[in-house]
Amino acid sequence: MLEANTLLLLAAVLLLLTLLAGLVRALIGPTLQDRMLSVQLLGTGGVALLILLGLLLGIEALVDTALVLALLAAVAAAALTRRETRHD
């Protein structure tokens, strides 16, 4: 059976692949909604990756940074949504 550190490292690698897919979608996009959803994916994946790395490396500051990133991602989503509704 795999130990906990190996599972956390595997989860971190899978999250990196997810972030890469989100980055590709953000770049090629074609619509603003696609780009907005991929930015949300990048924010959520980044938070999850920082929390996993914080647990794996034992650095509590990474968890604090992840919480700040989660707040910023929520504000960015609200700003993009508000910007989109103003143009209609």
PDB file of N, CA and C in Angstrom:
ATOM      1  N   MET A   1       0.840  -1.181   0.000  1.00  0.00           N
ATOM      2  CA  MET A   1       0.000   0.000   0.000  1.00  0.00           C
ATOM      3  C   MET A   1       0.887   1.246   0.000  1.00  0.00           C
ATOM      4  N   LEU A   2       0.433   2.263  -0.701  1.00  0.00           N
ATOM      5  CA  LEU A   2       1.196   3.506  -0.796  1.00  0.00           C
ATOM      6  C   LEU A   2       1.090   4.292   0.501  1.00  0.00           C
ATOM      7  N   GLU A   3       2.186   4.952   0.859  1.00  0.00           N
ATOM      8  CA  GLU A   3       2.160   5.757   2.079  1.00  0.00           C
ATOM      9  C   GLU A   3       1.559   7.135   1.770  1.00  0.00           C
ATOM     10  N   ALA A   4       1.290   7.893   2.818  1.00  0.00           N
ATOM     11  CA  ALA A   4       0.573   9.160   2.691  1.00  0.00           C
ATOM     12  C   ALA A   4       1.338  10.172   1.844  1.00  0.00           C
ATOM     13  N   ASN A   5       2.646  10.272   2.015  1.00  0.00           N
ATOM     14  CA  ASN A   5       3.428  11.241   1.240  1.00  0.00           C
ATOM     15  C   ASN A   5       3.396  10.934  -0.253  1.00  0.00           C
ATOM     16  N   THR A   6       3.406   9.671  -0.604  1.00  0.00           N
ATOM     17  CA  THR A   6       3.346   9.287  -2.008  1.00  0.00           C
ATOM     18  C   THR A   6       1.996   9.653  -2.608  1.00  0.00           C
ATOM     19  N   LEU A   7       0.936   9.443  -1.849  1.00  0.00           N
ATOM     20  CA  LEU A   7      -0.397   9.811  -2.338  1.00  0.00           C
ATOM     21  C   LEU A   7      -0.539  11.320  -2.490  1.00  0.00           C
ATOM     22  N   LEU A   8       0.011  12.083  -1.556  1.00  0.00           N
ATOM     23  CA  LEU A   8      -0.043  13.535  -1.667  1.00  0.00           C
ATOM     24  C   LEU A   8       0.751  14.021  -2.878  1.00  0.00           C
ATOM     25  N   LEU A   9       1.895  13.412  -3.130  1.00  0.00           N
ATOM     26  CA  LEU A   9       2.703  13.781  -4.286  1.00  0.00           C
ATOM     27  C   LEU A   9       1.989  13.431  -5.590  1.00  0.00           C
ATOM     28  N   LEU A  10       1.343  12.295  -5.637  1.00  0.00           N
ATOM     29  CA  LEU A  10       0.579  11.897  -6.820  1.00  0.00           C
ATOM     30  C   LEU A  10      -0.584  12.863  -7.058  1.00  0.00           C
ATOM     31  N   ALA A  11      -1.263  13.248  -5.994  1.00  0.00           N
ATOM     32  CA  ALA A  11      -2.359  14.214  -6.122  1.00  0.00           C
ATOM     33  C   ALA A  11      -1.844  15.561  -6.613  1.00  0.00           C
ATOM     34  N   ALA A  12      -0.664  15.971  -6.158  1.00  0.00           N
ATOM     35  CA  ALA A  12      -0.072  17.229  -6.604  1.00  0.00           C
ATOM     36  C   ALA A  12       0.257  17.178  -8.100  1.00  0.00           C
ATOM     37  N   VAL A  13       0.759  16.062  -8.570  1.00  0.00           N
ATOM     38  CA  VAL A  13       1.068  15.916  -9.995  1.00  0.00           C
ATOM     39  C   VAL A  13      -0.216  15.963 -10.823  1.00  0.00           C
ATOM     40  N   LEU A  14      -1.261  15.312 -10.363  1.00  0.00           N
ATOM     41  CA  LEU A  14      -2.541  15.351 -11.071  1.00  0.00           C
ATOM     42  C   LEU A  14      -3.113  16.772 -11.098  1.00  0.00           C
ATOM     43  N   LEU A  15      -2.946  17.499 -10.009  1.00  0.00           N
ATOM     44  CA  LEU A  15      -3.400  18.891  -9.986  1.00  0.00           C
ATOM     45  C   LEU A  15      -2.604  19.753 -10.956  1.00  0.00           C
ATOM     46  N   LEU A  16      -1.311  19.502 -11.073  1.00  0.00           N
ATOM     47  CA  LEU A  16      -0.500  20.228 -12.050  1.00  0.00           C
ATOM     48  C   LEU A  16      -0.987  19.979 -13.472  1.00  0.00           C
ATOM     49  N   LEU A  17      -1.359  18.742 -13.770  1.00  0.00           N
ATOM     50  CA  LEU A  17      -1.896  18.431 -15.093  1.00  0.00           C
ATOM     51  C   LEU A  17      -3.226  19.139 -15.328  1.00  0.00           C
ATOM     52  N   THR A  18      -4.050  19.209 -14.303  1.00  0.00           N
ATOM     53  CA  THR A  18      -5.319  19.922 -14.400  1.00  0.00           C
ATOM     54  C   THR A  18      -5.090  21.408 -14.627  1.00  0.00           C
ATOM     55  N   LEU A  19      -4.116  21.978 -13.923  1.00  0.00           N
ATOM     56  CA  LEU A  19      -3.789  23.388 -14.116  1.00  0.00           C
ATOM     57  C   LEU A  19      -3.282  23.647 -15.533  1.00  0.00           C
ATOM     58  N   LEU A  20      -2.511  22.730 -16.071  1.00  0.00           N
ATOM     59  CA  LEU A  20      -2.022  22.869 -17.433  1.00  0.00           C
ATOM     60  C   LEU A  20      -3.181  22.853 -18.434  1.00  0.00           C
ATOM     61  N   ALA A  21      -4.137  21.955 -18.232  1.00  0.00           N
ATOM     62  CA  ALA A  21      -5.311  21.911 -19.106  1.00  0.00           C
ATOM     63  C   ALA A  21      -6.126  23.199 -18.990  1.00  0.00           C
ATOM     64  N   GLY A  22      -6.257  23.730 -17.784  1.00  0.00           N
ATOM     65  CA  GLY A  22      -6.971  24.986 -17.602  1.00  0.00           C
ATOM     66  C   GLY A  22      -6.259  26.151 -18.255  1.00  0.00           C
ATOM     67  N   LEU A  23      -4.943  26.146 -18.207  1.00  0.00           N
ATOM     68  CA  LEU A  23      -4.173  27.210 -18.848  1.00  0.00           C
ATOM     69  C   LEU A  23      -4.337  27.171 -20.359  1.00  0.00           C
ATOM     70  N   VAL A  24      -4.348  25.981 -20.921  1.00  0.00           N
ATOM     71  CA  VAL A  24      -4.560  25.840 -22.368  1.00  0.00           C
ATOM     72  C   VAL A  24      -5.944  26.368 -22.742  1.00  0.00           C
ATOM     73  N   ARG A  25      -6.950  26.021 -21.943  1.00  0.00           N
ATOM     74  CA  ARG A  25      -8.309  26.492 -22.231  1.00  0.00           C
ATOM     75  C   ARG A  25      -8.410  28.007 -22.086  1.00  0.00           C
ATOM     76  N   ALA A  26      -7.707  28.575 -21.122  1.00  0.00           N
ATOM     77  CA  ALA A  26      -7.733  30.025 -20.939  1.00  0.00           C
ATOM     78  C   ALA A  26      -7.092  30.737 -22.127  1.00  0.00           C
ATOM     79  N   LEU A  27      -6.080  30.132 -22.710  1.00  0.00           N
ATOM     80  CA  LEU A  27      -5.393  30.766 -23.832  1.00  0.00           C
ATOM     81  C   LEU A  27      -6.148  30.639 -25.151  1.00  0.00           C
ATOM     82  N   ILE A  28      -6.750  29.467 -25.407  1.00  0.00           N
ATOM     83  CA  ILE A  28      -7.393  29.275 -26.705  1.00  0.00           C
ATOM     84  C   ILE A  28      -8.869  29.590 -26.683  1.00  0.00           C
ATOM     85  N   GLY A  29      -9.403  29.614 -25.523  1.00  0.00           N
ATOM     86  CA  GLY A  29     -10.704  29.914 -25.301  1.00  0.00           C
ATOM     87  C   GLY A  29     -11.970  29.744 -25.858  1.00  0.00           C
ATOM     88  N   PRO A  30     -12.666  29.769 -26.840  1.00  0.00           N
ATOM     89  CA  PRO A  30     -12.971  30.874 -27.755  1.00  0.00           C
ATOM     90  C   PRO A  30     -13.839  31.982 -27.154  1.00  0.00           C
ATOM     91  N   THR A  31     -14.646  31.693 -26.136  1.00  0.00           N
ATOM     92  CA  THR A  31     -15.529  32.745 -25.604  1.00  0.00           C
ATOM     93  C   THR A  31     -15.030  33.230 -24.244  1.00  0.00           C
ATOM     94  N   LEU A  32     -15.576  34.350 -23.820  1.00  0.00           N
ATOM     95  CA  LEU A  32     -15.220  34.901 -22.516  1.00  0.00           C
ATOM     96  C   LEU A  32     -15.650  33.966 -21.383  1.00  0.00           C
ATOM     97  N   GLN A  33     -16.776  33.295 -21.569  1.00  0.00           N
ATOM     98  CA  GLN A  33     -17.247  32.366 -20.540  1.00  0.00           C
ATOM     99  C   GLN A  33     -16.286  31.201 -20.364  1.00  0.00           C
ATOM    100  N   ASP A  34     -15.742  30.690 -21.470  1.00  0.00           N
ATOM    101  CA  ASP A  34     -14.749  29.617 -21.386  1.00  0.00           C
ATOM    102  C   ASP A  34     -13.517  30.078 -20.625  1.00  0.00           C
ATOM    103  N   ARG A  35     -13.084  31.278 -20.923  1.00  0.00           N
ATOM    104  CA  ARG A  35     -11.901  31.812 -20.256  1.00  0.00           C
ATOM    105  C   ARG A  35     -12.166  32.050 -18.774  1.00  0.00           C
ATOM    106  N   MET A  36     -13.355  32.532 -18.447  1.00  0.00           N
ATOM    107  CA  MET A  36     -13.690  32.793 -17.044  1.00  0.00           C
ATOM    108  C   MET A  36     -13.727  31.483 -16.248  1.00  0.00           C
ATOM    109  N   LEU A  37     -14.320  30.460 -16.817  1.00  0.00           N
ATOM    110  CA  LEU A  37     -14.363  29.171 -16.126  1.00  0.00           C
ATOM    111  C   LEU A  37     -12.972  28.576 -15.966  1.00  0.00           C
ATOM    112  N   SER A  38     -12.113  28.756 -16.958  1.00  0.00           N
ATOM    113  CA  SER A  38     -10.762  28.219 -16.830  1.00  0.00           C
ATOM    114  C   SER A  38      -9.952  29.003 -15.799  1.00  0.00           C
ATOM    115  N   VAL A  39     -10.199  30.306 -15.679  1.00  0.00           N
ATOM    116  CA  VAL A  39      -9.530  31.080 -14.631  1.00  0.00           C
ATOM    117  C   VAL A  39      -9.987  30.603 -13.255  1.00  0.00           C
ATOM    118  N   GLN A  40     -11.268  30.280 -13.128  1.00  0.00           N
ATOM    119  CA  GLN A  40     -11.763  29.715 -11.867  1.00  0.00           C
ATOM    120  C   GLN A  40     -11.106  28.367 -11.583  1.00  0.00           C
ATOM    121  N   LEU A  41     -10.934  27.557 -12.631  1.00  0.00           N
ATOM    122  CA  LEU A  41     -10.243  26.278 -12.464  1.00  0.00           C
ATOM    123  C   LEU A  41      -8.809  26.490 -12.018  1.00  0.00           C
ATOM    124  N   LEU A  42      -8.138  27.474 -12.595  1.00  0.00           N
ATOM    125  CA  LEU A  42      -6.763  27.766 -12.195  1.00  0.00           C
ATOM    126  C   LEU A  42      -6.701  28.212 -10.738  1.00  0.00           C
ATOM    127  N   GLY A  43      -7.657  29.033 -10.317  1.00  0.00           N
ATOM    128  CA  GLY A  43      -7.674  29.479  -8.927  1.00  0.00           C
ATOM    129  C   GLY A  43      -7.920  28.331  -7.960  1.00  0.00           C
ATOM    130  N   THR A  44      -8.898  27.505  -8.276  1.00  0.00           N
ATOM    131  CA  THR A  44      -9.223  26.380  -7.406  1.00  0.00           C
ATOM    132  C   THR A  44      -8.093  25.352  -7.380  1.00  0.00           C
ATOM    133  N   GLY A  45      -7.544  25.060  -8.547  1.00  0.00           N
ATOM    134  CA  GLY A  45      -6.429  24.115  -8.608  1.00  0.00           C
ATOM    135  C   GLY A  45      -5.197  24.639  -7.892  1.00  0.00           C
ATOM    136  N   GLY A  46      -4.961  25.939  -8.015  1.00  0.00           N
ATOM    137  CA  GLY A  46      -3.826  26.541  -7.318  1.00  0.00           C
ATOM    138  C   GLY A  46      -3.975  26.465  -5.811  1.00  0.00           C
ATOM    139  N   VAL A  47      -5.187  26.701  -5.334  1.00  0.00           N
ATOM    140  CA  VAL A  47      -5.452  26.595  -3.898  1.00  0.00           C
ATOM    141  C   VAL A  47      -5.225  25.166  -3.425  1.00  0.00           C
ATOM    142  N   ALA A  48      -5.773  24.219  -4.163  1.00  0.00           N
ATOM    143  CA  ALA A  48      -5.614  22.807  -3.777  1.00  0.00           C
ATOM    144  C   ALA A  48      -4.141  22.386  -3.812  1.00  0.00           C
ATOM    145  N   LEU A  49      -3.420  22.840  -4.831  1.00  0.00           N
ATOM    146  CA  LEU A  49      -2.006  22.488  -4.934  1.00  0.00           C
ATOM    147  C   LEU A  49      -1.199  23.081  -3.787  1.00  0.00           C
ATOM    148  N   LEU A  50      -1.467  24.331  -3.442  1.00  0.00           N
ATOM    149  CA  LEU A  50      -0.746  24.941  -2.324  1.00  0.00           C
ATOM    150  C   LEU A  50      -1.051  24.239  -1.000  1.00  0.00           C
ATOM    151  N   ILE A  51      -2.292  23.848  -0.801  1.00  0.00           N
ATOM    152  CA  ILE A  51      -2.637  23.136   0.432  1.00  0.00           C
ATOM    153  C   ILE A  51      -1.939  21.777   0.474  1.00  0.00           C
ATOM    154  N   LEU A  52      -1.942  21.062  -0.645  1.00  0.00           N
ATOM    155  CA  LEU A  52      -1.245  19.770  -0.681  1.00  0.00           C
ATOM    156  C   LEU A  52       0.251  19.925  -0.441  1.00  0.00           C
ATOM    157  N   LEU A  53       0.854  20.915  -1.074  1.00  0.00           N
ATOM    158  CA  LEU A  53       2.286  21.123  -0.859  1.00  0.00           C
ATOM    159  C   LEU A  53       2.578  21.560   0.574  1.00  0.00           C
ATOM    160  N   GLY A  54       1.682  22.347   1.160  1.00  0.00           N
ATOM    161  CA  GLY A  54       1.843  22.731   2.559  1.00  0.00           C
ATOM    162  C   GLY A  54       1.820  21.524   3.477  1.00  0.00           C
ATOM    163  N   LEU A  55       0.912  20.591   3.195  1.00  0.00           N
ATOM    164  CA  LEU A  55       0.857  19.363   3.991  1.00  0.00           C
ATOM    165  C   LEU A  55       2.070  18.480   3.741  1.00  0.00           C
ATOM    166  N   LEU A  56       2.461  18.385   2.487  1.00  0.00           N
ATOM    167  CA  LEU A  56       3.567  17.502   2.119  1.00  0.00           C
ATOM    168  C   LEU A  56       4.896  17.996   2.677  1.00  0.00           C
ATOM    169  N   LEU A  57       5.128  19.303   2.592  1.00  0.00           N
ATOM    170  CA  LEU A  57       6.401  19.867   3.034  1.00  0.00           C
ATOM    171  C   LEU A  57       6.376  20.359   4.480  1.00  0.00           C
ATOM    172  N   GLY A  58       5.199  20.426   5.070  1.00  0.00           N
ATOM    173  CA  GLY A  58       5.089  20.889   6.446  1.00  0.00           C
ATOM    174  C   GLY A  58       5.282  22.388   6.596  1.00  0.00           C
ATOM    175  N   ILE A  59       4.944  23.161   5.569  1.00  0.00           N
ATOM    176  CA  ILE A  59       5.086  24.616   5.603  1.00  0.00           C
ATOM    177  C   ILE A  59       3.695  25.223   5.766  1.00  0.00           C
ATOM    178  N   GLU A  60       3.429  25.779   6.935  1.00  0.00           N
ATOM    179  CA  GLU A  60       2.103  26.327   7.216  1.00  0.00           C
ATOM    180  C   GLU A  60       1.815  27.587   6.408  1.00  0.00           C
ATOM    181  N   ALA A  61       2.843  28.312   5.995  1.00  0.00           N
ATOM    182  CA  ALA A  61       2.650  29.538   5.215  1.00  0.00           C
ATOM    183  C   ALA A  61       2.009  29.242   3.863  1.00  0.00           C
ATOM    184  N   LEU A  62       2.216  28.060   3.321  1.00  0.00           N
ATOM    185  CA  LEU A  62       1.587  27.707   2.045  1.00  0.00           C
ATOM    186  C   LEU A  62       0.078  27.584   2.189  1.00  0.00           C
ATOM    187  N   VAL A  63      -0.378  27.095   3.311  1.00  0.00           N
ATOM    188  CA  VAL A  63      -1.820  27.002   3.550  1.00  0.00           C
ATOM    189  C   VAL A  63      -2.411  28.403   3.691  1.00  0.00           C
ATOM    190  N   ASP A  64      -1.712  29.300   4.384  1.00  0.00           N
ATOM    191  CA  ASP A  64      -2.180  30.680   4.505  1.00  0.00           C
ATOM    192  C   ASP A  64      -2.227  31.355   3.140  1.00  0.00           C
ATOM    193  N   THR A  65      -1.230  31.120   2.326  1.00  0.00           N
ATOM    194  CA  THR A  65      -1.201  31.678   0.983  1.00  0.00           C
ATOM    195  C   THR A  65      -2.350  31.127   0.142  1.00  0.00           C
ATOM    196  N   ALA A  66      -2.665  29.860   0.318  1.00  0.00           N
ATOM    197  CA  ALA A  66      -3.781  29.256  -0.411  1.00  0.00           C
ATOM    198  C   ALA A  66      -5.101  29.916  -0.040  1.00  0.00           C
ATOM    199  N   LEU A  67      -5.280  30.247   1.220  1.00  0.00           N
ATOM    200  CA  LEU A  67      -6.512  30.905   1.635  1.00  0.00           C
ATOM    201  C   LEU A  67      -6.634  32.299   1.030  1.00  0.00           C
ATOM    202  N   VAL A  68      -5.531  33.021   0.953  1.00  0.00           N
ATOM    203  CA  VAL A  68      -5.545  34.345   0.320  1.00  0.00           C
ATOM    204  C   VAL A  68      -5.848  34.206  -1.172  1.00  0.00           C
ATOM    205  N   LEU A  69      -5.261  33.219  -1.816  1.00  0.00           N
ATOM    206  CA  LEU A  69      -5.526  32.981  -3.228  1.00  0.00           C
ATOM    207  C   LEU A  69      -6.994  32.630  -3.463  1.00  0.00           C
ATOM    208  N   ALA A  70      -7.596  31.886  -2.559  1.00  0.00           N
ATOM    209  CA  ALA A  70      -9.015  31.547  -2.698  1.00  0.00           C
ATOM    210  C   ALA A  70      -9.877  32.802  -2.629  1.00  0.00           C
ATOM    211  N   LEU A  71      -9.541  33.717  -1.739  1.00  0.00           N
ATOM    212  CA  LEU A  71     -10.283  34.972  -1.663  1.00  0.00           C
ATOM    213  C   LEU A  71     -10.113  35.797  -2.937  1.00  0.00           C
ATOM    214  N   LEU A  72      -8.892  35.862  -3.444  1.00  0.00           N
ATOM    215  CA  LEU A  72      -8.647  36.616  -4.677  1.00  0.00           C
ATOM    216  C   LEU A  72      -9.371  36.000  -5.874  1.00  0.00           C
ATOM    217  N   ALA A  73      -9.440  34.692  -5.939  1.00  0.00           N
ATOM    218  CA  ALA A  73     -10.134  34.029  -7.039  1.00  0.00           C
ATOM    219  C   ALA A  73     -11.630  34.329  -6.995  1.00  0.00           C
ATOM    220  N   ALA A  74     -12.191  34.389  -5.798  1.00  0.00           N
ATOM    221  CA  ALA A  74     -13.613  34.718  -5.677  1.00  0.00           C
ATOM    222  C   ALA A  74     -13.871  36.155  -6.111  1.00  0.00           C
ATOM    223  N   VAL A  75     -12.993  37.062  -5.741  1.00  0.00           N
ATOM    224  CA  VAL A  75     -13.146  38.463  -6.144  1.00  0.00           C
ATOM    225  C   VAL A  75     -12.985  38.600  -7.658  1.00  0.00           C
ATOM    226  N   ALA A  76     -12.048  37.882  -8.234  1.00  0.00           N
ATOM    227  CA  ALA A  76     -11.841  37.936  -9.688  1.00  0.00           C
ATOM    228  C   ALA A  76     -13.070  37.417 -10.430  1.00  0.00           C
ATOM    229  N   ALA A  77     -13.681  36.349  -9.938  1.00  0.00           N
ATOM    230  CA  ALA A  77     -14.883  35.819 -10.581  1.00  0.00           C
ATOM    231  C   ALA A  77     -16.031  36.818 -10.495  1.00  0.00           C
ATOM    232  N   ALA A  78     -16.167  37.457  -9.342  1.00  0.00           N
ATOM    233  CA  ALA A  78     -17.218  38.465  -9.198  1.00  0.00           C
ATOM    234  C   ALA A  78     -16.969  39.653 -10.120  1.00  0.00           C
ATOM    235  N   ALA A  79     -15.721  40.076 -10.253  1.00  0.00           N
ATOM    236  CA  ALA A  79     -15.394  41.207 -11.126  1.00  0.00           C
ATOM    237  C   ALA A  79     -15.650  40.867 -12.585  1.00  0.00           C
ATOM    238  N   LEU A  80     -15.272  39.665 -13.019  1.00  0.00           N
ATOM    239  CA  LEU A  80     -15.518  39.267 -14.401  1.00  0.00           C
ATOM    240  C   LEU A  80     -17.008  39.144 -14.687  1.00  0.00           C
ATOM    241  N   THR A  81     -17.763  38.638 -13.740  1.00  0.00           N
ATOM    242  CA  THR A  81     -19.201  38.517 -13.918  1.00  0.00           C
ATOM    243  C   THR A  81     -19.846  39.892 -13.994  1.00  0.00           C
ATOM    244  N   ARG A  82     -19.427  40.787 -13.134  1.00  0.00           N
ATOM    245  CA  ARG A  82     -19.980  42.142 -13.147  1.00  0.00           C
ATOM    246  C   ARG A  82     -19.624  42.856 -14.449  1.00  0.00           C
ATOM    247  N   ARG A  83     -18.408  42.672 -14.907  1.00  0.00           N
ATOM    248  CA  ARG A  83     -17.977  43.283 -16.171  1.00  0.00           C
ATOM    249  C   ARG A  83     -18.807  42.755 -17.337  1.00  0.00           C
ATOM    250  N   GLU A  84     -19.085  41.460 -17.337  1.00  0.00           N
ATOM    251  CA  GLU A  84     -19.854  40.852 -18.410  1.00  0.00           C
ATOM    252  C   GLU A  84     -21.297  41.356 -18.421  1.00  0.00           C
ATOM    253  N   THR A  85     -21.899  41.535 -17.263  1.00  0.00           N
ATOM    254  CA  THR A  85     -23.292  41.965 -17.226  1.00  0.00           C
ATOM    255  C   THR A  85     -23.452  43.431 -17.572  1.00  0.00           C
ATOM    256  N   ARG A  86     -22.414  44.245 -17.426  1.00  0.00           N
ATOM    257  CA  ARG A  86     -22.506  45.665 -17.786  1.00  0.00           C
ATOM    258  C   ARG A  86     -22.584  45.869 -19.290  1.00  0.00           C
ATOM    259  N   HIS A  87     -21.982  44.981 -20.071  1.00  0.00           N
ATOM    260  CA  HIS A  87     -21.958  45.153 -21.512  1.00  0.00           C
ATOM    261  C   HIS A  87     -23.268  44.738 -22.171  1.00  0.00           C
ATOM    262  N   ASP A  88     -24.136  44.062 -21.461  1.00  0.00           N
ATOM    263  CA  ASP A  88     -25.403  43.605 -22.058  1.00  0.00           C
ATOM    264  C   ASP A  88     -26.434  44.683 -22.122  1.00  0.00           C
TER     265      ASP A  88
END
